[in-house]
Protein backbone atom coordinates (compact mmCIF):
# COMPACT_ATOMS: atom_id res chain seq x y z
CA PRO A 1 11.57 23.89 -50.94
CA ALA A 2 12.57 20.57 -50.47
CA SER A 3 14.60 21.62 -46.88
CA MET A 4 11.80 22.88 -45.42
CA GLN A 5 9.76 19.75 -46.08
CA ALA A 6 12.68 17.64 -44.61
CA ALA A 7 12.45 19.93 -41.42
CA TYR A 8 8.80 19.78 -41.29
CA LEU A 9 9.14 15.63 -41.48
CA LYS A 10 11.98 15.17 -39.20
CA PRO A 11 11.94 17.66 -36.33
CA ALA A 12 15.72 18.34 -35.45
CA VAL A 13 17.58 17.29 -31.85
CA LEU A 14 20.11 19.23 -30.60
CA ARG A 15 23.04 18.62 -27.91
CA HIS A 16 23.16 19.28 -24.21
CA HIS A 17 25.14 22.48 -24.60
CA GLU A 18 22.66 23.95 -27.23
CA VAL A 19 19.46 23.56 -24.65
CA PRO A 20 18.68 25.41 -21.71
CA GLY A 21 19.45 23.80 -18.11
CA HIS A 22 16.02 23.11 -17.58
CA PHE A 23 15.43 20.79 -20.44
CA LYS A 24 18.81 18.87 -19.89
CA GLU A 25 18.87 15.44 -17.97
CA VAL A 26 21.49 14.36 -16.31
CA PHE A 27 24.55 12.37 -18.46
CA ILE A 28 22.15 12.83 -21.41
CA LEU A 29 24.39 14.45 -24.11
CA SER A 30 22.09 14.24 -27.20
CA GLY A 31 18.85 13.51 -28.83
CA TYR A 32 17.22 16.46 -27.58
CA ARG A 33 14.41 18.27 -29.19
CA PRO A 34 13.92 22.18 -29.39
CA VAL A 35 11.17 24.23 -27.90
CA SER A 36 8.10 22.94 -30.03
CA SER A 37 4.84 23.35 -31.21
CA VAL A 38 2.11 20.83 -30.36
CA ALA A 39 2.14 19.42 -34.17
CA GLN A 40 6.04 19.18 -33.66
CA CYS A 41 5.71 17.22 -30.50
CA VAL A 42 3.66 14.83 -31.65
CA ARG A 43 5.60 14.40 -35.03
CA SER A 44 8.60 13.90 -32.76
CA ILE A 45 7.85 10.85 -31.38
CA PHE A 46 7.77 9.38 -34.97
CA SER A 47 11.64 10.09 -35.14
CA TRP A 48 14.26 9.16 -32.97
CA ASN A 49 15.18 11.43 -29.94
CA ASN A 50 16.02 10.92 -26.30
CA GLU A 51 12.24 10.78 -25.63
CA THR A 52 10.87 8.41 -27.91
CA LEU A 53 10.99 5.53 -26.13
CA ASN A 54 10.02 7.35 -22.98
CA VAL A 55 6.57 7.81 -24.77
CA TRP A 56 5.92 4.91 -26.75
CA SER A 57 6.92 2.61 -23.62
CA HIS A 58 3.79 3.84 -21.77
CA LEU A 59 1.76 4.50 -24.76
CA LEU A 60 1.77 0.68 -25.59
CA GLY A 61 1.80 0.09 -21.60
CA SER A 62 -1.69 2.00 -21.62
CA LEU A 63 -3.11 0.10 -24.49
CA ALA A 64 -2.14 -3.28 -22.91
CA PHE A 65 -3.39 -2.74 -19.45
CA LEU A 66 -6.58 -1.53 -21.28
CA SER A 67 -6.34 -5.04 -23.22
CA MET A 68 -6.24 -6.63 -19.81
CA ALA A 69 -9.03 -4.48 -18.38
CA VAL A 70 -11.23 -5.72 -21.21
CA GLY A 71 -10.51 -9.40 -20.68
CA ALA A 72 -11.12 -8.95 -16.81
CA VAL A 73 -14.84 -7.40 -17.58
CA SER A 74 -15.07 -10.25 -19.81
CA GLU A 75 -14.13 -12.78 -17.30
CA PHE A 76 -15.55 -11.07 -14.01
CA GLY A 77 -18.66 -8.84 -15.16
CA VAL A 78 -19.66 -5.66 -13.83
CA SER A 79 -22.50 -6.61 -11.41
CA ASP A 80 -20.63 -8.36 -8.65
CA PRO A 81 -19.51 -5.35 -5.89
CA ALA A 82 -16.60 -7.87 -5.34
CA VAL A 83 -14.65 -7.10 -8.36
CA TRP A 84 -15.30 -3.21 -8.50
CA PRO A 85 -11.86 -2.32 -6.55
CA LEU A 86 -9.96 -4.23 -9.48
CA TYR A 87 -11.54 -2.06 -12.15
CA LEU A 88 -10.45 0.76 -10.11
CA PHE A 89 -7.16 0.03 -10.18
CA LEU A 90 -7.16 -0.82 -13.65
CA LEU A 91 -8.29 2.58 -14.74
CA ALA A 92 -5.61 3.94 -13.15
CA SER A 93 -3.27 1.73 -14.58
CA VAL A 94 -4.16 2.67 -17.86
CA LEU A 95 -4.10 6.43 -17.01
CA TYR A 96 -0.95 6.53 -15.56
CA PRO A 97 1.23 5.40 -18.06
CA LEU A 98 -1.18 7.16 -20.32
CA ALA A 99 -0.60 10.57 -18.50
CA SER A 100 3.32 10.05 -18.65
CA ALA A 101 3.45 9.38 -22.39
CA LEU A 102 2.10 12.82 -22.89
CA ALA A 103 4.17 14.78 -20.32
CA HIS A 104 7.10 13.12 -22.28
CA MET A 105 5.66 14.22 -25.70
CA PHE A 106 4.70 17.29 -24.79
CA ASN A 107 7.29 18.44 -22.47
CA VAL A 108 9.10 20.62 -24.81
CA LEU A 109 6.04 22.87 -25.57
CA SER A 110 7.78 25.80 -23.41
CA ARG A 111 9.64 25.75 -20.09
CA GLU A 112 6.44 25.85 -17.94
CA ALA A 113 4.67 23.72 -20.25
CA ARG A 114 7.35 21.47 -18.91
CA ASP A 115 7.18 21.52 -15.07
CA VAL A 116 3.32 21.45 -15.59
CA CYS A 117 3.46 18.17 -17.46
CA PHE A 118 5.50 16.35 -14.98
CA PHE A 119 3.03 18.07 -12.46
CA ILE A 120 0.15 16.27 -13.87
CA ASP A 121 2.53 12.71 -14.19
CA TYR A 122 2.87 12.81 -10.58
CA ALA A 123 -0.74 13.32 -9.96
CA ALA A 124 -1.54 10.39 -11.86
CA ILE A 125 1.31 8.09 -10.18
CA ALA A 126 -0.22 8.87 -7.06
CA PHE A 127 -3.42 8.10 -7.84
CA TYR A 128 -2.31 4.61 -9.36
CA GLY A 129 -0.60 3.96 -6.00
CA HIS A 130 -3.99 4.65 -3.77
CA CYS A 131 -6.05 2.88 -6.40
CA ALA A 132 -3.34 -0.23 -6.19
CA THR A 133 -3.89 -0.19 -2.13
CA CYS A 134 -7.70 -0.63 -2.56
CA ALA A 135 -7.22 -3.53 -4.60
CA TYR A 136 -4.57 -4.89 -2.44
CA SER A 137 -7.05 -4.32 0.57
CA ALA A 138 -9.83 -6.05 -1.05
CA TYR A 139 -7.92 -9.06 -2.68
CA SER A 140 -4.45 -9.38 -1.16
CA LEU A 141 -4.12 -8.87 2.32
CA PRO A 142 -3.11 -11.62 4.66
CA GLY A 143 -6.00 -13.89 5.82
CA HIS A 144 -5.89 -12.51 9.39
CA MET A 145 -6.09 -8.47 8.16
CA MET A 146 -8.75 -9.86 5.52
CA ALA A 147 -11.17 -7.69 7.89
CA PRO A 148 -12.71 -3.92 7.22
CA ALA A 149 -10.97 -2.30 10.35
CA SER A 150 -7.84 -3.39 8.52
CA GLN A 151 -8.80 -2.68 5.19
CA LEU A 152 -10.24 1.09 6.60
CA LEU A 153 -6.81 1.87 8.04
CA LEU A 154 -4.84 0.92 5.18
CA LEU A 155 -6.99 2.90 3.04
CA ALA A 156 -6.67 6.15 5.33
CA ALA A 157 -3.05 5.39 5.42
CA SER A 158 -3.02 5.26 1.39
CA THR A 159 -4.67 8.61 1.23
CA ALA A 160 -2.90 10.76 3.42
CA THR A 161 0.66 9.14 1.63
CA ALA A 162 -0.58 9.42 -1.90
CA ILE A 163 -1.41 13.25 -1.24
CA TRP A 164 1.79 13.72 0.59
CA GLY A 165 3.34 12.18 -2.46
CA VAL A 166 2.04 14.50 -5.13
CA TRP A 167 2.98 17.46 -2.90
CA THR A 168 5.91 16.61 -2.27
CA SER A 169 6.87 15.94 -5.85
CA CYS A 170 5.57 18.85 -7.06
CA ARG A 171 7.23 21.12 -4.68
CA THR A 172 10.58 19.17 -5.29
CA ARG A 173 10.59 20.84 -8.80
CA PHE A 174 11.60 23.86 -7.42
CA MET A 175 14.70 22.51 -5.98
CA PRO A 176 18.11 22.21 -7.26
CA SER A 177 18.67 19.08 -5.28
CA ARG A 178 15.40 16.99 -5.60
CA GLN A 179 15.57 13.48 -6.50
CA VAL A 180 15.79 11.63 -2.89
CA LEU A 181 13.30 13.90 -1.62
CA ARG A 182 10.47 13.26 -4.43
CA LEU A 183 11.58 9.28 -4.33
CA SER A 184 10.86 9.63 -0.65
CA GLY A 185 7.15 10.95 -1.11
CA PHE A 186 6.43 7.98 -3.68
CA VAL A 187 8.43 5.27 -1.20
CA LEU A 188 6.07 5.95 1.98
CA ALA A 189 3.15 5.48 -0.28
CA CYS A 190 4.59 2.24 -1.94
CA LEU A 191 5.78 0.86 1.43
CA ILE A 192 1.96 1.33 3.12
CA ALA A 193 0.68 -0.48 -0.02
CA ASN A 194 3.15 -3.45 -0.25
CA LEU A 195 3.81 -4.25 3.49
CA PRO A 196 0.72 -6.37 3.76
CA VAL A 197 1.66 -8.19 0.76
CA LEU A 198 4.98 -8.20 1.95
CA ALA A 199 3.52 -9.95 5.06
CA ARG A 200 1.62 -12.61 3.13
CA LEU A 201 4.79 -13.57 1.16
CA ALA A 202 6.86 -13.67 4.39
CA ALA A 203 4.05 -16.20 6.17
CA ALA A 204 3.57 -18.18 3.00
CA ALA A 205 5.43 -21.36 2.83
CA ALA A 206 8.07 -22.34 0.74
CA ASN A 207 5.86 -25.00 -1.39
CA SER A 208 2.75 -22.47 -1.37
CA ASP A 209 0.90 -23.16 -4.76
CA GLU A 210 -1.21 -19.84 -4.62
CA ALA A 211 -1.16 -18.76 -8.14
CA SER A 212 -0.41 -15.09 -7.21
CA LEU A 213 2.65 -15.29 -5.05
CA PRO A 214 5.25 -15.62 -8.05
CA HIS A 215 3.62 -12.41 -9.45
CA TRP A 216 3.68 -10.45 -6.11
CA ARG A 217 7.15 -11.49 -5.53
CA ARG A 218 8.40 -10.25 -9.23
CA GLN A 219 6.78 -6.98 -8.77
CA LEU A 220 8.41 -6.29 -5.43
CA TRP A 221 11.66 -6.64 -7.21
CA LEU A 222 10.63 -5.10 -10.02
CA VAL A 223 9.68 -2.03 -7.44
CA LEU A 224 13.48 -2.16 -6.48
CA ALA A 225 14.78 -2.51 -9.47
CA MET A 226 12.84 1.41 -10.75
CA ALA A 227 14.42 2.77 -7.40
CA PHE A 228 17.79 1.97 -8.17
CA LEU A 229 17.41 2.81 -11.76
CA TYR A 230 15.96 6.06 -10.78
CA LEU A 231 18.73 7.19 -8.37
CA THR A 232 21.71 5.50 -9.88
CA HIS A 233 21.23 6.62 -13.66
CA LEU A 234 22.76 3.74 -14.50
CA PRO A 235 23.88 2.65 -17.24
CA GLU A 236 24.35 6.41 -19.06
CA ARG A 237 26.25 7.46 -15.63
CA LEU A 238 29.25 5.07 -16.72
CA TRP A 239 28.85 5.91 -20.49
CA PRO A 240 27.47 9.53 -20.95
CA GLY A 241 26.05 9.53 -24.28
CA ALA A 242 26.12 6.13 -25.54
CA PHE A 243 22.78 5.20 -24.24
CA ASP A 244 21.00 8.90 -25.16
CA ILE A 245 18.46 7.46 -27.71
CA VAL A 246 18.02 3.82 -26.60
CA GLY A 247 18.64 2.11 -23.29
CA HIS A 248 19.14 5.36 -20.48
CA SER A 249 17.76 4.52 -17.22
CA HIS A 250 14.52 6.00 -17.64
CA GLN A 251 13.39 4.16 -20.44
CA LEU A 252 14.52 1.10 -18.37
CA PHE A 253 12.69 2.67 -15.69
CA HIS A 254 9.30 2.73 -17.57
CA LEU A 255 9.80 -1.02 -18.89
CA ALA A 256 10.28 -1.78 -15.25
CA GLY A 257 7.30 0.02 -14.44
CA CYS A 258 4.92 -1.54 -16.77
CA MET A 259 6.26 -5.06 -16.23
CA GLY A 260 5.29 -4.16 -12.62
CA THR A 261 1.70 -3.37 -13.09
CA ALA A 262 1.18 -6.48 -15.23
CA ASP A 263 2.26 -8.38 -12.73
CA GLN A 264 -0.07 -6.62 -9.92
CA ILE A 265 -2.68 -7.35 -12.45
CA ALA A 266 -2.14 -11.02 -12.96
CA ALA A 267 -1.78 -11.28 -9.28
CA LEU A 268 -4.93 -9.46 -8.43
CA ARG A 269 -6.90 -11.28 -10.63
CA PHE A 270 -5.64 -14.43 -9.07
CA ASP A 271 -6.74 -13.43 -5.66
CA LEU A 272 -9.95 -12.38 -6.82
CA ARG A 273 -10.53 -15.35 -8.11
CA ASP A 274 -9.16 -17.82 -5.75
CA ARG A 275 -9.67 -15.96 -2.50
CA ARG A 276 -13.00 -15.85 -2.41
CA PRO A 277 -13.55 -17.42 0.93
CA LEU A 278 -11.33 -15.09 2.71
CA LEU A 279 -12.58 -11.85 0.82
CA THR A 280 -14.99 -9.50 3.03
CA SER A 281 -18.33 -9.37 1.33
CA PRO A 282 -18.73 -6.68 0.08
CA PRO A 283 -15.56 -5.22 0.22
CA PRO A 284 -15.57 -1.64 1.59
CA TRP A 285 -16.09 -0.36 -2.04
CA LEU A 286 -17.94 3.03 -1.15
CA PRO A 287 -14.61 4.09 1.47
CA MET A 288 -12.50 2.94 -1.61
CA LEU A 289 -14.15 5.41 -3.84
CA VAL A 290 -14.51 7.89 -1.69
CA SER A 291 -10.94 8.05 -0.73
CA ALA A 292 -9.85 7.76 -4.41
CA GLY A 293 -11.82 10.82 -5.52
CA LEU A 294 -10.53 12.96 -2.64
CA VAL A 295 -6.88 11.80 -3.55
CA ALA A 296 -7.71 12.74 -7.03
CA ALA A 297 -8.98 15.93 -5.90
CA CYS A 298 -6.34 17.10 -3.75
CA ALA A 299 -3.84 16.06 -6.41
CA CYS A 300 -5.70 18.20 -8.85
CA GLY A 301 -5.42 21.27 -6.31
CA ILE A 302 -1.83 20.67 -5.65
CA VAL A 303 -1.62 20.68 -9.49
CA LEU A 304 -3.09 23.87 -10.00
CA ARG A 305 -1.48 25.40 -7.12
CA TYR A 306 1.97 25.06 -8.66
CA SER A 307 0.96 25.31 -12.15
CA LEU A 308 -0.11 28.89 -11.15
CA ARG A 309 3.14 29.54 -9.27
CA VAL A 310 5.10 28.54 -12.37
CA ARG A 311 3.06 30.77 -14.23
CA ARG A 312 3.93 33.47 -11.61
CA LEU A 313 7.51 33.12 -11.79
CA ALA A 314 7.90 32.98 -15.52
CA ALA A 315 5.50 36.36 -15.57
CA ALA A 316 8.30 37.97 -13.23
CA GLY A 317 10.89 36.74 -15.62
CA GLY A 318 12.08 33.83 -13.13
CA GLY A 319 10.93 30.69 -15.11
CA GLY A 320 9.20 27.97 -14.20
CA GLY A 321 10.97 25.31 -12.03
CA CYS A 322 15.10 25.24 -11.17
CA GLY A 323 17.55 25.64 -14.16
CA LYS A 324 19.83 23.12 -13.29
CA LYS A 325 20.10 19.55 -15.11
CA ARG A 326 17.21 17.44 -13.81
CA SER A 327 15.74 14.27 -13.66
CA ASP A 328 12.11 14.33 -14.13
């Protein structure tokens, strides 16, 4: 029948009072998808709902970063070990928005799947943050810190904070009040990565002609904007329901994140090209690779642990995470 075909082609959307608490987002009143199959989740990104732009902003971001990676390979080649930390970061830059897009696409498969989707999202963000630190330590430290000892110390601190960030983020999905705690896990990792860049910016002369510095400055402002959007839920806090489909804080958060990553890539390429005399040769790429592998392995272990916990809670009749409104 025509009505069934129409329903197949255009998935229904629901109001906030029609979905369980676990699926609700604060100050978002409409545009919710019902619990769906895999095929329905895929089809839903081609119709308007409150996740459509969350998915597309990061899918397109992932493709843009892949294009930038291809451009970097064309410019620098692959034989020089000095470029490998950049490629590690570019790999993570392609993966984290892809993981986020898939999480937002498939988070209505079930209550349990929603938690698992975002566990994977948190792991990808932590891996990306650590790979950013690897690249920062290779190309972007202040001149007096561009030495193996400083690089290894930064890598060790980043490894610990990245693993802490994944654990904290996954754990907070089982808490009723989680935003500040979840953000704190990633803020610590972000501070570890960006402190050397902040020191470099503070030491740079106002008239410095280093091509990377404007990108570093803008990237830091975008990080602050992301934290502001995540914590305040503006603008939808002021006008609930007005930005359900287009313009709510999480969409702006995605946009700021992609813009910040683009600035990171541009700044790192400039630093690799322009600061060659300062770079350690070769960079400590083996410790970088080992630490990135350790972060990835620990993140996968944490995701597995909490995914099994979600499954046990579901089997016991307790559902997945917390049942109140949430911000993922």
